[in-house]
Amino acid sequence: MEKDNKTYDQAIQRIEQIVNELEQSKALSMDTYQTLAKEAKQLLTFCQKQLTDWENKMNDVIQN
């Protein structure tokens, strides 16, 4: 999934997939674990920014 083209919902869905994969797989290699953890962190950062942007927009609407 390209970073610039994803939506908040797509990012959340991918995070859920990663969590499921980590929970269900008992023997992930360290490389795979590291790759999934890095992707999840990037997705969480993206989601946090989306939520912050949304909150700022809502505050602007309320104040005007």
N, C-alpha and C. Protein backbone atom coordinates (compact mmCIF):
# COMPACT_ATOMS: atom_id res chain seq x y z
N MET A 1 0.84 -1.17 0.00
CA MET A 1 0.00 0.00 0.00
C MET A 1 0.88 1.23 0.00
N GLU A 2 0.71 2.09 -0.95
CA GLU A 2 1.52 3.30 -1.02
C GLU A 2 1.05 4.31 0.01
N LYS A 3 2.00 4.93 0.66
CA LYS A 3 1.70 5.85 1.74
C LYS A 3 0.80 6.99 1.30
N ASP A 4 1.03 7.56 0.13
CA ASP A 4 0.29 8.73 -0.32
C ASP A 4 -1.14 8.41 -0.74
N ASN A 5 -1.44 7.16 -1.04
CA ASN A 5 -2.75 6.81 -1.57
C ASN A 5 -3.66 6.13 -0.57
N LYS A 6 -3.21 5.90 0.64
CA LYS A 6 -4.04 5.17 1.58
C LYS A 6 -4.96 6.11 2.35
N THR A 7 -6.04 5.54 2.81
CA THR A 7 -6.95 6.29 3.66
C THR A 7 -6.76 5.83 5.10
N TYR A 8 -7.35 6.58 6.01
CA TYR A 8 -7.31 6.21 7.42
C TYR A 8 -7.86 4.79 7.61
N ASP A 9 -9.02 4.53 7.00
CA ASP A 9 -9.64 3.21 7.15
C ASP A 9 -8.77 2.08 6.60
N GLN A 10 -8.11 2.34 5.48
CA GLN A 10 -7.20 1.32 4.92
C GLN A 10 -6.02 1.08 5.86
N ALA A 11 -5.51 2.14 6.45
CA ALA A 11 -4.38 2.00 7.37
C ALA A 11 -4.80 1.20 8.60
N ILE A 12 -5.98 1.49 9.15
CA ILE A 12 -6.47 0.75 10.31
C ILE A 12 -6.66 -0.73 9.96
N GLN A 13 -7.20 -0.98 8.79
CA GLN A 13 -7.40 -2.37 8.35
C GLN A 13 -6.07 -3.11 8.26
N ARG A 14 -5.06 -2.46 7.71
CA ARG A 14 -3.74 -3.09 7.59
C ARG A 14 -3.13 -3.32 8.97
N ILE A 15 -3.30 -2.38 9.89
CA ILE A 15 -2.79 -2.57 11.26
C ILE A 15 -3.45 -3.80 11.87
N GLU A 16 -4.76 -3.95 11.68
CA GLU A 16 -5.47 -5.12 12.21
C GLU A 16 -4.92 -6.42 11.59
N GLN A 17 -4.62 -6.39 10.30
CA GLN A 17 -4.04 -7.56 9.65
C GLN A 17 -2.68 -7.91 10.25
N ILE A 18 -1.87 -6.90 10.50
CA ILE A 18 -0.55 -7.12 11.08
C ILE A 18 -0.68 -7.72 12.47
N VAL A 19 -1.57 -7.16 13.28
CA VAL A 19 -1.78 -7.68 14.63
C VAL A 19 -2.24 -9.13 14.58
N ASN A 20 -3.17 -9.44 13.70
CA ASN A 20 -3.63 -10.82 13.56
C ASN A 20 -2.50 -11.74 13.15
N GLU A 21 -1.69 -11.29 12.23
CA GLU A 21 -0.57 -12.11 11.78
C GLU A 21 0.42 -12.37 12.92
N LEU A 22 0.68 -11.34 13.70
CA LEU A 22 1.60 -11.50 14.84
C LEU A 22 1.01 -12.41 15.90
N GLU A 23 -0.28 -12.32 16.13
CA GLU A 23 -0.94 -13.16 17.14
C GLU A 23 -1.03 -14.61 16.72
N GLN A 24 -1.25 -14.85 15.43
CA GLN A 24 -1.49 -16.20 14.95
C GLN A 24 -0.22 -16.96 14.59
N SER A 25 0.84 -16.25 14.32
CA SER A 25 2.07 -16.89 13.91
C SER A 25 2.99 -17.07 15.12
N LYS A 26 3.31 -18.28 15.41
CA LYS A 26 4.14 -18.58 16.57
C LYS A 26 5.63 -18.61 16.24
N ALA A 27 5.96 -18.60 14.96
CA ALA A 27 7.37 -18.76 14.59
C ALA A 27 7.80 -17.78 13.50
N LEU A 28 7.56 -16.50 13.74
CA LEU A 28 8.02 -15.50 12.77
C LEU A 28 9.52 -15.31 12.91
N SER A 29 10.18 -15.11 11.79
CA SER A 29 11.60 -14.78 11.86
C SER A 29 11.74 -13.36 12.41
N MET A 30 12.88 -13.07 12.95
CA MET A 30 13.13 -11.73 13.47
C MET A 30 13.02 -10.68 12.36
N ASP A 31 13.46 -11.02 11.16
CA ASP A 31 13.36 -10.10 10.03
C ASP A 31 11.90 -9.78 9.70
N THR A 32 11.06 -10.81 9.69
CA THR A 32 9.65 -10.62 9.40
C THR A 32 9.00 -9.80 10.51
N TYR A 33 9.30 -10.14 11.75
CA TYR A 33 8.75 -9.41 12.88
C TYR A 33 9.15 -7.93 12.79
N GLN A 34 10.42 -7.69 12.50
CA GLN A 34 10.92 -6.32 12.41
C GLN A 34 10.22 -5.56 11.27
N THR A 35 10.04 -6.19 10.14
CA THR A 35 9.38 -5.57 9.00
C THR A 35 7.94 -5.21 9.33
N LEU A 36 7.22 -6.16 9.96
CA LEU A 36 5.83 -5.91 10.33
C LEU A 36 5.72 -4.81 11.39
N ALA A 37 6.61 -4.84 12.37
CA ALA A 37 6.60 -3.82 13.42
C ALA A 37 6.87 -2.44 12.84
N LYS A 38 7.80 -2.35 11.91
CA LYS A 38 8.13 -1.07 11.28
C LYS A 38 6.94 -0.55 10.48
N GLU A 39 6.30 -1.44 9.72
CA GLU A 39 5.13 -1.04 8.94
C GLU A 39 4.00 -0.57 9.86
N ALA A 40 3.76 -1.30 10.93
CA ALA A 40 2.71 -0.93 11.88
C ALA A 40 2.99 0.44 12.49
N LYS A 41 4.23 0.69 12.85
CA LYS A 41 4.59 1.98 13.43
C LYS A 41 4.33 3.12 12.44
N GLN A 42 4.69 2.91 11.18
CA GLN A 42 4.45 3.93 10.15
C GLN A 42 2.96 4.18 9.96
N LEU A 43 2.19 3.11 9.98
CA LEU A 43 0.75 3.24 9.82
C LEU A 43 0.12 3.96 11.02
N LEU A 44 0.59 3.64 12.21
CA LEU A 44 0.08 4.31 13.41
C LEU A 44 0.42 5.80 13.39
N THR A 45 1.60 6.14 12.93
CA THR A 45 1.99 7.55 12.81
C THR A 45 1.08 8.26 11.80
N PHE A 46 0.82 7.61 10.68
CA PHE A 46 -0.08 8.16 9.67
C PHE A 46 -1.47 8.39 10.26
N CYS A 47 -1.99 7.42 10.98
CA CYS A 47 -3.33 7.53 11.58
C CYS A 47 -3.38 8.65 12.61
N GLN A 48 -2.35 8.75 13.42
CA GLN A 48 -2.30 9.81 14.42
C GLN A 48 -2.33 11.18 13.76
N LYS A 49 -1.59 11.33 12.67
CA LYS A 49 -1.58 12.61 11.94
C LYS A 49 -2.96 12.89 11.35
N GLN A 50 -3.60 11.88 10.80
CA GLN A 50 -4.94 12.06 10.25
C GLN A 50 -5.92 12.53 11.32
N LEU A 51 -5.85 11.91 12.50
CA LEU A 51 -6.74 12.29 13.59
C LEU A 51 -6.45 13.70 14.09
N THR A 52 -5.20 14.07 14.17
CA THR A 52 -4.82 15.42 14.59
C THR A 52 -5.32 16.45 13.58
N ASP A 53 -5.13 16.15 12.30
CA ASP A 53 -5.61 17.06 11.24
C ASP A 53 -7.13 17.22 11.32
N TRP A 54 -7.83 16.11 11.52
CA TRP A 54 -9.29 16.13 11.62
C TRP A 54 -9.72 16.97 12.83
N GLU A 55 -9.05 16.76 13.96
CA GLU A 55 -9.38 17.51 15.17
C GLU A 55 -9.17 19.02 14.94
N ASN A 56 -8.08 19.38 14.29
CA ASN A 56 -7.82 20.80 14.00
C ASN A 56 -8.89 21.39 13.09
N LYS A 57 -9.31 20.64 12.09
CA LYS A 57 -10.36 21.11 11.19
C LYS A 57 -11.69 21.29 11.94
N MET A 58 -12.00 20.35 12.81
CA MET A 58 -13.23 20.45 13.59
C MET A 58 -13.18 21.64 14.54
N ASN A 59 -12.04 21.88 15.14
CA ASN A 59 -11.90 23.05 16.02
C ASN A 59 -12.08 24.34 15.25
N ASP A 60 -11.57 24.40 14.03
CA ASP A 60 -11.75 25.58 13.18
C ASP A 60 -13.23 25.81 12.87
N VAL A 61 -13.94 24.72 12.57
CA VAL A 61 -15.36 24.83 12.25
C VAL A 61 -16.14 25.32 13.47
N ILE A 62 -15.83 24.78 14.63
CA ILE A 62 -16.54 25.15 15.85
C ILE A 62 -16.28 26.60 16.22
N GLN A 63 -15.05 27.06 16.03
CA GLN A 63 -14.69 28.41 16.43
C GLN A 63 -15.18 29.48 15.47
N ASN A 64 -15.50 29.10 14.25
CA ASN A 64 -15.95 30.09 13.26
C ASN A 64 -17.42 30.08 13.10
